[in-house]
Amino acid sequence: MKATGPRPVPDRQCLQGILYVLHTGIGWEDLPQELGFRSGMTCWRRIKRWINAGFSTICIGSCLPS
């Protein structure tokens, strides 16, 4: 049995979209799909899921000097 619905967006694509939004300051809904980031809402949901999972704490901690 095949899965229905759209294919999941790869994490790397979402991360690139998230970084684009943070770098440019545009709104999530204005994320240009032509650049391959898919939907801004998809990227927003992914970062929300990562934050809830504690991913941001790991990233920020690894970027700080020892």
PDB file of N, CA and C in Angstrom:
ATOM      1  N   MET A   1       0.841  -1.181   0.000  1.00  0.00           N
ATOM      2  CA  MET A   1       0.000   0.000   0.000  1.00  0.00           C
ATOM      3  C   MET A   1       0.886   1.244   0.000  1.00  0.00           C
ATOM      4  N   LYS A   2       0.625   2.150  -0.918  1.00  0.00           N
ATOM      5  CA  LYS A   2       1.414   3.369  -1.026  1.00  0.00           C
ATOM      6  C   LYS A   2       0.854   4.462  -0.123  1.00  0.00           C
ATOM      7  N   ALA A   3       1.756   5.281   0.372  1.00  0.00           N
ATOM      8  CA  ALA A   3       1.340   6.418   1.199  1.00  0.00           C
ATOM      9  C   ALA A   3       0.705   7.481   0.310  1.00  0.00           C
ATOM     10  N   THR A   4      -0.300   8.151   0.829  1.00  0.00           N
ATOM     11  CA  THR A   4      -0.947   9.220   0.079  1.00  0.00           C
ATOM     12  C   THR A   4      -0.490  10.563   0.614  1.00  0.00           C
ATOM     13  N   GLY A   5      -0.701  11.586  -0.173  1.00  0.00           N
ATOM     14  CA  GLY A   5      -0.338  12.932   0.241  1.00  0.00           C
ATOM     15  C   GLY A   5       1.038  13.324  -0.250  1.00  0.00           C
ATOM     16  N   PRO A   6       1.408  14.554   0.011  1.00  0.00           N
ATOM     17  CA  PRO A   6       2.707  15.041  -0.459  1.00  0.00           C
ATOM     18  C   PRO A   6       3.855  14.367   0.281  1.00  0.00           C
ATOM     19  N   ARG A   7       4.983  14.298  -0.389  1.00  0.00           N
ATOM     20  CA  ARG A   7       6.182  13.732   0.223  1.00  0.00           C
ATOM     21  C   ARG A   7       6.704  14.687   1.294  1.00  0.00           C
ATOM     22  N   PRO A   8       7.279  14.157   2.361  1.00  0.00           N
ATOM     23  CA  PRO A   8       7.831  15.029   3.403  1.00  0.00           C
ATOM     24  C   PRO A   8       8.980  15.877   2.848  1.00  0.00           C
ATOM     25  N   VAL A   9       9.068  17.085   3.352  1.00  0.00           N
ATOM     26  CA  VAL A   9      10.143  17.988   2.948  1.00  0.00           C
ATOM     27  C   VAL A   9      11.401  17.587   3.704  1.00  0.00           C
ATOM     28  N   PRO A  10      12.533  17.424   3.013  1.00  0.00           N
ATOM     29  CA  PRO A  10      13.771  17.065   3.706  1.00  0.00           C
ATOM     30  C   PRO A  10      14.169  18.130   4.744  1.00  0.00           C
ATOM     31  N   ASP A  11      14.779  17.688   5.828  1.00  0.00           N
ATOM     32  CA  ASP A  11      15.203  18.612   6.894  1.00  0.00           C
ATOM     33  C   ASP A  11      16.127  19.704   6.367  1.00  0.00           C
ATOM     34  N   ARG A  12      17.017  19.335   5.462  1.00  0.00           N
ATOM     35  CA  ARG A  12      17.971  20.319   4.930  1.00  0.00           C
ATOM     36  C   ARG A  12      17.248  21.451   4.204  1.00  0.00           C
ATOM     37  N   GLN A  13      16.219  21.121   3.417  1.00  0.00           N
ATOM     38  CA  GLN A  13      15.444  22.146   2.723  1.00  0.00           C
ATOM     39  C   GLN A  13      14.745  23.058   3.720  1.00  0.00           C
ATOM     40  N   CYS A  14      14.182  22.478   4.760  1.00  0.00           N
ATOM     41  CA  CYS A  14      13.518  23.288   5.794  1.00  0.00           C
ATOM     42  C   CYS A  14      14.518  24.189   6.501  1.00  0.00           C
ATOM     43  N   LEU A  15      15.671  23.653   6.830  1.00  0.00           N
ATOM     44  CA  LEU A  15      16.687  24.455   7.508  1.00  0.00           C
ATOM     45  C   LEU A  15      17.119  25.623   6.632  1.00  0.00           C
ATOM     46  N   GLN A  16      17.295  25.393   5.343  1.00  0.00           N
ATOM     47  CA  GLN A  16      17.663  26.480   4.437  1.00  0.00           C
ATOM     48  C   GLN A  16      16.570  27.542   4.391  1.00  0.00           C
ATOM     49  N   GLY A  17      15.314  27.112   4.367  1.00  0.00           N
ATOM     50  CA  GLY A  17      14.212  28.067   4.384  1.00  0.00           C
ATOM     51  C   GLY A  17      14.166  28.857   5.678  1.00  0.00           C
ATOM     52  N   ILE A  18      14.392  28.187   6.793  1.00  0.00           N
ATOM     53  CA  ILE A  18      14.403  28.846   8.105  1.00  0.00           C
ATOM     54  C   ILE A  18      15.514  29.892   8.156  1.00  0.00           C
ATOM     55  N   LEU A  19      16.704  29.520   7.705  1.00  0.00           N
ATOM     56  CA  LEU A  19      17.825  30.458   7.706  1.00  0.00           C
ATOM     57  C   LEU A  19      17.567  31.637   6.777  1.00  0.00           C
ATOM     58  N   TYR A  20      16.902  31.396   5.658  1.00  0.00           N
ATOM     59  CA  TYR A  20      16.563  32.476   4.722  1.00  0.00           C
ATOM     60  C   TYR A  20      15.617  33.473   5.388  1.00  0.00           C
ATOM     61  N   VAL A  21      14.597  32.967   6.077  1.00  0.00           N
ATOM     62  CA  VAL A  21      13.651  33.844   6.767  1.00  0.00           C
ATOM     63  C   VAL A  21      14.358  34.643   7.858  1.00  0.00           C
ATOM     64  N   LEU A  22      15.194  33.971   8.641  1.00  0.00           N
ATOM     65  CA  LEU A  22      15.903  34.667   9.722  1.00  0.00           C
ATOM     66  C   LEU A  22      16.893  35.690   9.182  1.00  0.00           C
ATOM     67  N   HIS A  23      17.537  35.388   8.066  1.00  0.00           N
ATOM     68  CA  HIS A  23      18.534  36.299   7.482  1.00  0.00           C
ATOM     69  C   HIS A  23      17.884  37.526   6.836  1.00  0.00           C
ATOM     70  N   THR A  24      16.784  37.307   6.097  1.00  0.00           N
ATOM     71  CA  THR A  24      16.157  38.410   5.366  1.00  0.00           C
ATOM     72  C   THR A  24      15.127  39.168   6.183  1.00  0.00           C
ATOM     73  N   GLY A  25      14.558  38.514   7.205  1.00  0.00           N
ATOM     74  CA  GLY A  25      13.540  39.166   8.021  1.00  0.00           C
ATOM     75  C   GLY A  25      12.150  39.141   7.409  1.00  0.00           C
ATOM     76  N   ILE A  26      11.952  38.370   6.345  1.00  0.00           N
ATOM     77  CA  ILE A  26      10.627  38.282   5.734  1.00  0.00           C
ATOM     78  C   ILE A  26       9.715  37.418   6.597  1.00  0.00           C
ATOM     79  N   GLY A  27       8.429  37.493   6.345  1.00  0.00           N
ATOM     80  CA  GLY A  27       7.475  36.661   7.064  1.00  0.00           C
ATOM     81  C   GLY A  27       7.485  35.237   6.521  1.00  0.00           C
ATOM     82  N   TRP A  28       7.050  34.302   7.342  1.00  0.00           N
ATOM     83  CA  TRP A  28       7.016  32.895   6.920  1.00  0.00           C
ATOM     84  C   TRP A  28       6.174  32.716   5.678  1.00  0.00           C
ATOM     85  N   GLU A  29       5.050  33.441   5.607  1.00  0.00           N
ATOM     86  CA  GLU A  29       4.152  33.295   4.458  1.00  0.00           C
ATOM     87  C   GLU A  29       4.749  33.872   3.176  1.00  0.00           C
ATOM     88  N   ASP A  30       5.809  34.676   3.298  1.00  0.00           N
ATOM     89  CA  ASP A  30       6.448  35.291   2.124  1.00  0.00           C
ATOM     90  C   ASP A  30       7.654  34.513   1.625  1.00  0.00           C
ATOM     91  N   LEU A  31       7.929  33.371   2.205  1.00  0.00           N
ATOM     92  CA  LEU A  31       9.079  32.565   1.783  1.00  0.00           C
ATOM     93  C   LEU A  31       8.886  32.135   0.333  1.00  0.00           C
ATOM     94  N   PRO A  32       9.820  32.504  -0.563  1.00  0.00           N
ATOM     95  CA  PRO A  32       9.636  32.201  -1.991  1.00  0.00           C
ATOM     96  C   PRO A  32       9.801  30.712  -2.299  1.00  0.00           C
ATOM     97  N   GLN A  33       8.740  30.085  -2.772  1.00  0.00           N
ATOM     98  CA  GLN A  33       8.775  28.669  -3.108  1.00  0.00           C
ATOM     99  C   GLN A  33       9.645  28.408  -4.336  1.00  0.00           C
ATOM    100  N   GLU A  34       9.851  29.429  -5.163  1.00  0.00           N
ATOM    101  CA  GLU A  34      10.684  29.275  -6.362  1.00  0.00           C
ATOM    102  C   GLU A  34      12.129  28.914  -6.016  1.00  0.00           C
ATOM    103  N   LEU A  35      12.569  29.262  -4.814  1.00  0.00           N
ATOM    104  CA  LEU A  35      13.941  28.968  -4.403  1.00  0.00           C
ATOM    105  C   LEU A  35      14.092  27.548  -3.872  1.00  0.00           C
ATOM    106  N   GLY A  36      12.984  26.793  -3.836  1.00  0.00           N
ATOM    107  CA  GLY A  36      13.053  25.396  -3.430  1.00  0.00           C
ATOM    108  C   GLY A  36      12.837  25.144  -1.953  1.00  0.00           C
ATOM    109  N   PHE A  37      12.385  26.155  -1.205  1.00  0.00           N
ATOM    110  CA  PHE A  37      12.193  25.991   0.235  1.00  0.00           C
ATOM    111  C   PHE A  37      10.846  25.382   0.574  1.00  0.00           C
ATOM    112  N   ARG A  38       9.967  25.243  -0.397  1.00  0.00           N
ATOM    113  CA  ARG A  38       8.593  24.788  -0.206  1.00  0.00           C
ATOM    114  C   ARG A  38       7.816  25.843   0.570  1.00  0.00           C
ATOM    115  N   SER A  39       6.890  25.428   1.378  1.00  0.00           N
ATOM    116  CA  SER A  39       5.999  26.346   2.071  1.00  0.00           C
ATOM    117  C   SER A  39       6.657  26.931   3.322  1.00  0.00           C
ATOM    118  N   GLY A  40       6.422  28.227   3.548  1.00  0.00           N
ATOM    119  CA  GLY A  40       6.911  28.849   4.765  1.00  0.00           C
ATOM    120  C   GLY A  40       6.273  28.240   5.998  1.00  0.00           C
ATOM    121  N   MET A  41       5.019  27.812   5.875  1.00  0.00           N
ATOM    122  CA  MET A  41       4.326  27.181   6.997  1.00  0.00           C
ATOM    123  C   MET A  41       4.988  25.847   7.346  1.00  0.00           C
ATOM    124  N   THR A  42       5.439  25.120   6.340  1.00  0.00           N
ATOM    125  CA  THR A  42       6.139  23.862   6.586  1.00  0.00           C
ATOM    126  C   THR A  42       7.427  24.121   7.360  1.00  0.00           C
ATOM    127  N   CYS A  43       8.178  25.134   6.952  1.00  0.00           N
ATOM    128  CA  CYS A  43       9.428  25.471   7.654  1.00  0.00           C
ATOM    129  C   CYS A  43       9.138  25.923   9.076  1.00  0.00           C
ATOM    130  N   TRP A  44       8.068  26.698   9.245  1.00  0.00           N
ATOM    131  CA  TRP A  44       7.705  27.177  10.582  1.00  0.00           C
ATOM    132  C   TRP A  44       7.341  26.005  11.493  1.00  0.00           C
ATOM    133  N   ARG A  45       6.551  25.059  10.964  1.00  0.00           N
ATOM    134  CA  ARG A  45       6.181  23.891  11.770  1.00  0.00           C
ATOM    135  C   ARG A  45       7.409  23.068  12.143  1.00  0.00           C
ATOM    136  N   ARG A  46       8.358  22.946  11.214  1.00  0.00           N
ATOM    137  CA  ARG A  46       9.555  22.145  11.472  1.00  0.00           C
ATOM    138  C   ARG A  46      10.401  22.787  12.565  1.00  0.00           C
ATOM    139  N   ILE A  47      10.597  24.105  12.514  1.00  0.00           N
ATOM    140  CA  ILE A  47      11.416  24.757  13.550  1.00  0.00           C
ATOM    141  C   ILE A  47      10.697  24.683  14.894  1.00  0.00           C
ATOM    142  N   LYS A  48       9.374  24.777  14.878  1.00  0.00           N
ATOM    143  CA  LYS A  48       8.614  24.654  16.119  1.00  0.00           C
ATOM    144  C   LYS A  48       8.804  23.256  16.719  1.00  0.00           C
ATOM    145  N   ARG A  49       8.765  22.230  15.875  1.00  0.00           N
ATOM    146  CA  ARG A  49       8.969  20.849  16.336  1.00  0.00           C
ATOM    147  C   ARG A  49      10.375  20.664  16.877  1.00  0.00           C
ATOM    148  N   TRP A  50      11.375  21.243  16.187  1.00  0.00           N
ATOM    149  CA  TRP A  50      12.764  21.125  16.650  1.00  0.00           C
ATOM    150  C   TRP A  50      12.965  21.832  17.988  1.00  0.00           C
ATOM    151  N   ILE A  51      12.374  23.004  18.143  1.00  0.00           N
ATOM    152  CA  ILE A  51      12.501  23.747  19.404  1.00  0.00           C
ATOM    153  C   ILE A  51      11.867  22.952  20.546  1.00  0.00           C
ATOM    154  N   ASN A  52      10.690  22.392  20.302  1.00  0.00           N
ATOM    155  CA  ASN A  52      10.014  21.590  21.328  1.00  0.00           C
ATOM    156  C   ASN A  52      10.817  20.351  21.701  1.00  0.00           C
ATOM    157  N   ALA A  53      11.612  19.845  20.763  1.00  0.00           N
ATOM    158  CA  ALA A  53      12.434  18.660  21.019  1.00  0.00           C
ATOM    159  C   ALA A  53      13.772  19.019  21.676  1.00  0.00           C
ATOM    160  N   GLY A  54      14.047  20.319  21.863  1.00  0.00           N
ATOM    161  CA  GLY A  54      15.280  20.743  22.506  1.00  0.00           C
ATOM    162  C   GLY A  54      16.449  20.905  21.565  1.00  0.00           C
ATOM    163  N   PHE A  55      16.195  20.852  20.266  1.00  0.00           N
ATOM    164  CA  PHE A  55      17.270  20.970  19.286  1.00  0.00           C
ATOM    165  C   PHE A  55      17.986  22.311  19.366  1.00  0.00           C
ATOM    166  N   SER A  56      17.229  23.392  19.607  1.00  0.00           N
ATOM    167  CA  SER A  56      17.839  24.723  19.652  1.00  0.00           C
ATOM    168  C   SER A  56      18.833  24.836  20.805  1.00  0.00           C
ATOM    169  N   THR A  57      18.544  24.197  21.919  1.00  0.00           N
ATOM    170  CA  THR A  57      19.452  24.231  23.057  1.00  0.00           C
ATOM    171  C   THR A  57      20.779  23.565  22.710  1.00  0.00           C
ATOM    172  N   ILE A  58      20.709  22.460  22.000  1.00  0.00           N
ATOM    173  CA  ILE A  58      21.922  21.759  21.588  1.00  0.00           C
ATOM    174  C   ILE A  58      22.725  22.619  20.626  1.00  0.00           C
ATOM    175  N   CYS A  59      22.063  23.225  19.640  1.00  0.00           N
ATOM    176  CA  CYS A  59      22.758  24.048  18.652  1.00  0.00           C
ATOM    177  C   CYS A  59      23.412  25.266  19.283  1.00  0.00           C
ATOM    178  N   ILE A  60      22.667  25.964  20.113  1.00  0.00           N
ATOM    179  CA  ILE A  60      23.201  27.177  20.740  1.00  0.00           C
ATOM    180  C   ILE A  60      24.370  26.810  21.664  1.00  0.00           C
ATOM    181  N   GLY A  61      24.216  25.729  22.418  1.00  0.00           N
ATOM    182  CA  GLY A  61      25.290  25.289  23.315  1.00  0.00           C
ATOM    183  C   GLY A  61      26.538  24.896  22.574  1.00  0.00           C
ATOM    184  N   SER A  62      26.402  24.302  21.399  1.00  0.00           N
ATOM    185  CA  SER A  62      27.574  23.887  20.643  1.00  0.00           C
ATOM    186  C   SER A  62      28.257  25.058  19.963  1.00  0.00           C
ATOM    187  N   CYS A  63      27.568  26.181  19.800  1.00  0.00           N
ATOM    188  CA  CYS A  63      28.156  27.350  19.149  1.00  0.00           C
ATOM    189  C   CYS A  63      28.877  28.265  20.130  1.00  0.00           C
ATOM    190  N   LEU A  64      28.612  28.109  21.407  1.00  0.00           N
ATOM    191  CA  LEU A  64      29.246  28.954  22.411  1.00  0.00           C
ATOM    192  C   LEU A  64      30.674  28.500  22.668  1.00  0.00           C
ATOM    193  N   PRO A  65      31.575  29.462  22.952  1.00  0.00           N
ATOM    194  CA  PRO A  65      32.954  29.066  23.257  1.00  0.00           C
ATOM    195  C   PRO A  65      33.026  28.287  24.574  1.00  0.00           C
ATOM    196  N   SER A  66      33.951  27.383  24.649  1.00  0.00           N
ATOM    197  CA  SER A  66      34.099  26.563  25.860  1.00  0.00           C
ATOM    198  C   SER A  66      34.756  27.334  26.979  1.00  0.00           C
TER     199      SER A  66
END
